[in-house]
Amino acid sequence: MKVIVLAAGYATRLYPLTLTQAKPLLPVAGKAMIDYVVESLAPIPDIDRVYIVSNSRFAGAFQKWADHHHATKSRFDFTVINDGSTDDANKLGALGDLNLVLEREKIEDDVIVVAGDNLFNHSLERFGAYCRSKNQVVLGTYDVGNFDQAKKYGVVEVDAEGRILSFIEKPPHPASTQVGIALYYYPRQILPRIREYIAAGNNPDQPGFLIQWLYSRVPVLTWSVPGIWYDIGSKETLEEANRIFARR
């Protein structure tokens, strides 16, 4: 099993913090955001390589992080991929980056895809076990607890088996408080569908767009992330995450 960490964005909403440092490398309670991602995935026994896709501005910094992390903390082997972009004007988008890694590295394996700015405080071992047992596309979800918060995300409705019935981005009247987050499992037999999505000229930017395209074509299951999850999109959420994770 492979992991692809999406880390090629420019996080302009966090300027000037992210002018000289990639958002996933910013510290939260003394650790880089990407540390939380990798440490949460570490208990999944099948993972044998982690690909980090970045951009020309920050690929070197991610390589330095990966070398240090592998030497001091992690059993994972890391590969840093530079997508060649230099700013928002020529970025490939998250799904463009995902397709780039699949094609360049000739990946024909089950893949977990995760955004490098997700903060987890809980092991994702059971996510890995669930994905292996189902062998279908899985979207990580999180209960944000209230409908006002849900309006900011992609809201999912599921059937009794957890299969997605609808996935609506930023609905004005959410049907639930369960939202899709940037944590995905794609079994190897689904990878050609990702190529198909890109080749058809669909939106290459937000990773949730692929799930919206897929769930009417193949079964897409959900798995609810336990504990605390943060999506760091602003200075306010970064400050809040620092407070919460520092207490823990």
Protein backbone atom coordinates (compact mmCIF):
# COMPACT_ATOMS: atom_id res chain seq x y z
CA MET A 1 0.00 0.00 0.00
CA LYS A 2 1.20 3.48 -0.88
CA VAL A 3 0.44 6.88 0.65
CA ILE A 4 0.31 10.10 -1.36
CA VAL A 5 0.49 13.29 0.71
CA LEU A 6 -0.86 16.33 -1.13
CA ALA A 7 1.40 19.24 -0.20
CA ALA A 8 1.85 21.36 -3.32
CA GLY A 9 -0.52 24.21 -2.50
CA TYR A 10 0.60 27.77 -1.78
CA ALA A 11 -1.77 28.51 1.15
CA THR A 12 -2.18 32.16 0.22
CA ARG A 13 -4.74 32.70 3.00
CA LEU A 14 -1.91 32.17 5.49
CA TYR A 15 0.47 34.74 3.96
CA PRO A 16 2.99 35.91 5.10
CA LEU A 17 3.54 32.70 7.14
CA THR A 18 3.53 30.54 4.02
CA LEU A 19 5.59 32.79 1.76
CA THR A 20 8.76 31.04 2.89
CA GLN A 21 7.43 27.82 4.46
CA ALA A 22 4.95 25.25 3.18
CA LYS A 23 1.77 25.02 5.24
CA PRO A 24 2.26 21.32 6.16
CA LEU A 25 5.68 22.22 7.61
CA LEU A 26 4.28 24.94 9.88
CA PRO A 27 4.47 23.96 13.57
CA VAL A 28 1.42 23.12 15.66
CA ALA A 29 2.17 22.63 19.35
CA GLY A 30 5.83 22.10 18.53
CA LYS A 31 5.44 19.64 15.63
CA ALA A 32 5.04 20.15 11.90
CA MET A 33 1.52 19.47 10.64
CA ILE A 34 2.83 16.71 8.39
CA ASP A 35 4.23 14.95 11.47
CA TYR A 36 0.67 14.48 12.74
CA VAL A 37 -0.35 13.04 9.37
CA VAL A 38 2.50 10.56 9.15
CA GLU A 39 2.33 9.50 12.79
CA SER A 40 -1.40 8.79 12.49
CA LEU A 41 -0.76 6.60 9.44
CA ALA A 42 2.27 4.80 10.92
CA PRO A 43 0.26 2.01 12.65
CA ILE A 44 -1.15 0.81 9.28
CA PRO A 45 1.10 -2.20 8.64
CA ASP A 46 0.68 -2.45 4.85
CA ILE A 47 2.19 0.95 3.99
CA ASP A 48 5.63 0.60 2.42
CA ARG A 49 6.21 4.04 0.85
CA VAL A 50 5.01 7.60 1.32
CA TYR A 51 5.05 10.01 -1.62
CA ILE A 52 4.95 13.73 -0.82
CA VAL A 53 3.98 15.87 -3.80
CA SER A 54 5.14 19.47 -3.46
CA ASN A 55 6.10 22.37 -5.71
CA SER A 56 9.31 23.99 -6.89
CA ARG A 57 9.27 26.49 -4.02
CA PHE A 58 9.14 23.94 -1.20
CA ALA A 59 10.23 20.54 -2.54
CA GLY A 60 13.71 20.98 -1.05
CA ALA A 61 12.28 21.72 2.40
CA PHE A 62 10.10 18.60 2.24
CA GLN A 63 13.13 16.53 1.20
CA LYS A 64 15.03 17.81 4.22
CA TRP A 65 12.06 16.99 6.46
CA ALA A 66 11.71 13.49 4.93
CA ASP A 67 15.41 12.69 5.35
CA HIS A 68 15.32 13.73 9.01
CA HIS A 69 12.02 11.97 9.73
CA HIS A 70 13.17 8.71 8.14
CA ALA A 71 16.47 8.81 10.01
CA THR A 72 15.03 9.60 13.43
CA LYS A 73 11.37 8.60 13.70
CA SER A 74 9.81 6.62 10.90
CA ARG A 75 9.87 3.17 9.35
CA PHE A 76 8.55 4.69 6.12
CA ASP A 77 10.53 5.29 2.97
CA PHE A 78 9.73 8.71 1.53
CA THR A 79 9.80 10.01 -2.04
CA VAL A 80 9.36 13.74 -2.62
CA ILE A 81 7.86 14.68 -5.99
CA ASN A 82 8.26 18.20 -7.37
CA ASP A 83 5.25 19.03 -9.55
CA GLY A 84 7.17 21.84 -11.27
CA SER A 85 4.77 24.63 -10.33
CA THR A 86 6.01 27.95 -9.00
CA ASP A 87 2.83 29.74 -7.86
CA ASP A 88 -0.97 29.61 -7.92
CA ALA A 89 -1.04 30.63 -11.57
CA ASN A 90 0.60 27.42 -12.86
CA LYS A 91 -0.22 24.90 -10.13
CA LEU A 92 -1.59 21.53 -11.22
CA GLY A 93 -4.27 21.27 -8.53
CA ALA A 94 -4.59 18.49 -5.98
CA LEU A 95 -6.01 15.96 -8.45
CA GLY A 96 -3.51 16.97 -11.09
CA ASP A 97 -0.78 16.30 -8.54
CA LEU A 98 -2.32 12.95 -7.60
CA ASN A 99 -2.41 11.88 -11.25
CA LEU A 100 1.17 13.11 -11.74
CA VAL A 101 2.45 10.86 -8.93
CA LEU A 102 0.47 7.84 -10.16
CA GLU A 103 1.82 8.26 -13.69
CA ARG A 104 5.40 9.30 -12.94
CA GLU A 105 5.94 6.59 -10.32
CA LYS A 106 3.94 3.97 -12.26
CA ILE A 107 1.94 3.09 -9.15
CA GLU A 108 -0.21 -0.02 -9.42
CA ASP A 109 -1.05 -0.54 -5.77
CA ASP A 110 -3.72 0.42 -3.26
CA VAL A 111 -3.34 4.10 -2.36
CA ILE A 112 -4.22 6.26 0.62
CA VAL A 113 -4.40 9.95 -0.32
CA VAL A 114 -4.27 12.58 2.41
CA ALA A 115 -3.79 16.33 2.55
CA GLY A 116 -0.61 17.38 4.30
CA ASP A 117 -2.42 20.02 6.36
CA ASN A 118 -4.85 17.62 8.06
CA LEU A 119 -4.34 17.39 11.80
CA PHE A 120 -5.24 14.10 13.46
CA ASN A 121 -4.74 13.23 17.10
CA HIS A 122 -5.78 9.61 16.71
CA SER A 123 -4.29 6.55 15.04
CA LEU A 124 -5.68 5.72 11.60
CA GLU A 125 -4.92 2.01 11.99
CA ARG A 126 -8.64 1.12 11.92
CA PHE A 127 -9.05 3.18 8.75
CA GLY A 128 -6.43 0.99 7.09
CA ALA A 129 -8.10 -2.19 8.34
CA TYR A 130 -11.53 -1.04 7.15
CA CYS A 131 -10.18 -0.16 3.72
CA ARG A 132 -8.46 -3.53 3.36
CA SER A 133 -11.61 -5.39 4.39
CA LYS A 134 -13.89 -3.53 1.96
CA ASN A 135 -11.50 -3.09 -1.01
CA GLN A 136 -13.63 -0.21 -2.33
CA VAL A 137 -13.19 3.56 -2.50
CA VAL A 138 -13.40 5.05 1.02
CA LEU A 139 -13.84 8.68 2.01
CA GLY A 140 -12.81 9.79 5.49
CA THR A 141 -15.55 11.80 7.20
CA TYR A 142 -15.82 13.84 10.36
CA ASP A 143 -18.77 15.06 12.40
CA VAL A 144 -18.22 18.81 12.80
CA GLY A 145 -21.03 18.96 15.34
CA ASN A 146 -23.22 21.78 14.01
CA PHE A 147 -24.89 22.81 10.79
CA ASP A 148 -23.19 26.22 10.53
CA GLN A 149 -19.79 24.52 10.49
CA ALA A 150 -21.01 21.94 7.99
CA LYS A 151 -21.84 24.71 5.50
CA LYS A 152 -18.08 25.24 5.02
CA TYR A 153 -17.43 21.68 3.81
CA GLY A 154 -18.69 18.92 1.54
CA VAL A 155 -21.60 17.28 3.36
CA VAL A 156 -22.31 13.58 2.89
CA GLU A 157 -25.44 11.49 3.24
CA VAL A 158 -24.98 7.73 3.47
CA ASP A 159 -27.10 4.59 3.51
CA ALA A 160 -27.17 1.97 6.28
CA GLU A 161 -23.92 0.42 4.99
CA GLY A 162 -22.10 3.75 4.93
CA ARG A 163 -22.21 4.11 1.15
CA ILE A 164 -22.47 7.68 -0.13
CA LEU A 165 -25.91 8.66 -1.42
CA SER A 166 -25.10 12.36 -1.88
CA PHE A 167 -22.09 14.61 -1.48
CA ILE A 168 -22.82 18.34 -1.73
CA GLU A 169 -20.10 20.97 -1.49
CA LYS A 170 -20.84 23.83 0.94
CA PRO A 171 -24.64 23.41 0.97
CA PRO A 172 -26.68 26.36 2.31
CA HIS A 173 -28.90 23.87 4.18
CA PRO A 174 -26.80 20.84 5.19
CA ALA A 175 -28.63 17.55 5.55
CA SER A 176 -26.17 16.38 8.20
CA THR A 177 -23.10 17.48 10.14
CA GLN A 178 -20.96 14.68 8.66
CA VAL A 179 -18.45 16.16 6.21
CA GLY A 180 -15.93 14.69 3.82
CA ILE A 181 -12.29 15.40 4.63
CA ALA A 182 -9.10 15.06 2.60
CA LEU A 183 -8.51 11.41 3.51
CA TYR A 184 -9.19 8.85 0.76
CA TYR A 185 -8.56 5.23 -0.08
CA TYR A 186 -8.36 4.12 -3.69
CA PRO A 187 -7.89 0.37 -4.31
CA ARG A 188 -5.65 -0.41 -7.24
CA GLN A 189 -8.52 -1.40 -9.55
CA ILE A 190 -9.91 2.16 -9.28
CA LEU A 191 -6.72 3.97 -10.35
CA PRO A 192 -7.66 3.94 -14.07
CA ARG A 193 -10.78 5.90 -13.08
CA ILE A 194 -8.55 8.72 -11.79
CA ARG A 195 -6.78 8.86 -15.14
CA GLU A 196 -10.20 8.85 -16.83
CA TYR A 197 -11.37 11.76 -14.67
CA ILE A 198 -8.30 13.87 -15.56
CA ALA A 199 -8.32 12.92 -19.25
CA ALA A 200 -11.95 14.05 -19.52
CA GLY A 201 -10.94 17.58 -18.53
CA ASN A 202 -12.68 17.61 -15.17
CA ASN A 203 -11.70 20.07 -12.42
CA PRO A 204 -8.18 19.09 -11.24
CA ASP A 205 -8.11 21.25 -8.14
CA GLN A 206 -10.09 20.08 -5.09
CA PRO A 207 -9.72 16.36 -4.26
CA GLY A 208 -13.38 16.14 -3.22
CA PHE A 209 -14.44 16.72 -6.85
CA LEU A 210 -13.17 13.24 -7.72
CA ILE A 211 -15.39 11.68 -5.03
CA GLN A 212 -18.39 13.65 -6.34
CA TRP A 213 -17.66 12.25 -9.81
CA LEU A 214 -17.02 8.69 -8.58
CA TYR A 215 -19.90 7.96 -6.22
CA SER A 216 -22.48 7.77 -9.02
CA ARG A 217 -20.23 5.39 -10.95
CA VAL A 218 -18.80 3.05 -8.30
CA PRO A 219 -19.62 2.40 -4.63
CA VAL A 220 -17.92 4.93 -2.35
CA LEU A 221 -17.92 4.06 1.35
CA THR A 222 -17.25 6.33 4.34
CA TRP A 223 -15.25 5.95 7.54
CA SER A 224 -15.70 8.36 10.45
CA VAL A 225 -12.42 9.76 11.81
CA PRO A 226 -12.21 9.52 15.61
CA GLY A 227 -10.80 12.06 18.04
CA ILE A 228 -9.85 15.56 16.96
CA TRP A 229 -9.46 16.63 13.35
CA TYR A 230 -8.51 20.07 12.07
CA ASP A 231 -8.38 21.48 8.58
CA ILE A 232 -5.98 24.41 8.81
CA GLY A 233 -7.27 26.99 6.37
CA SER A 234 -6.71 30.29 8.16
CA LYS A 235 -4.60 31.97 10.83
CA GLU A 236 -7.55 31.64 13.22
CA THR A 237 -7.79 27.85 12.83
CA LEU A 238 -4.00 27.58 13.10
CA GLU A 239 -4.05 29.50 16.40
CA GLU A 240 -6.96 27.40 17.67
CA ALA A 241 -5.20 24.15 16.74
CA ASN A 242 -2.08 25.32 18.56
CA ARG A 243 -4.13 25.87 21.71
CA ILE A 244 -5.99 22.55 21.49
CA PHE A 245 -3.00 20.35 20.64
CA ALA A 246 -0.76 22.09 23.18
CA ARG A 247 -3.21 21.12 25.93
CA ARG A 248 -3.07 17.50 24.81
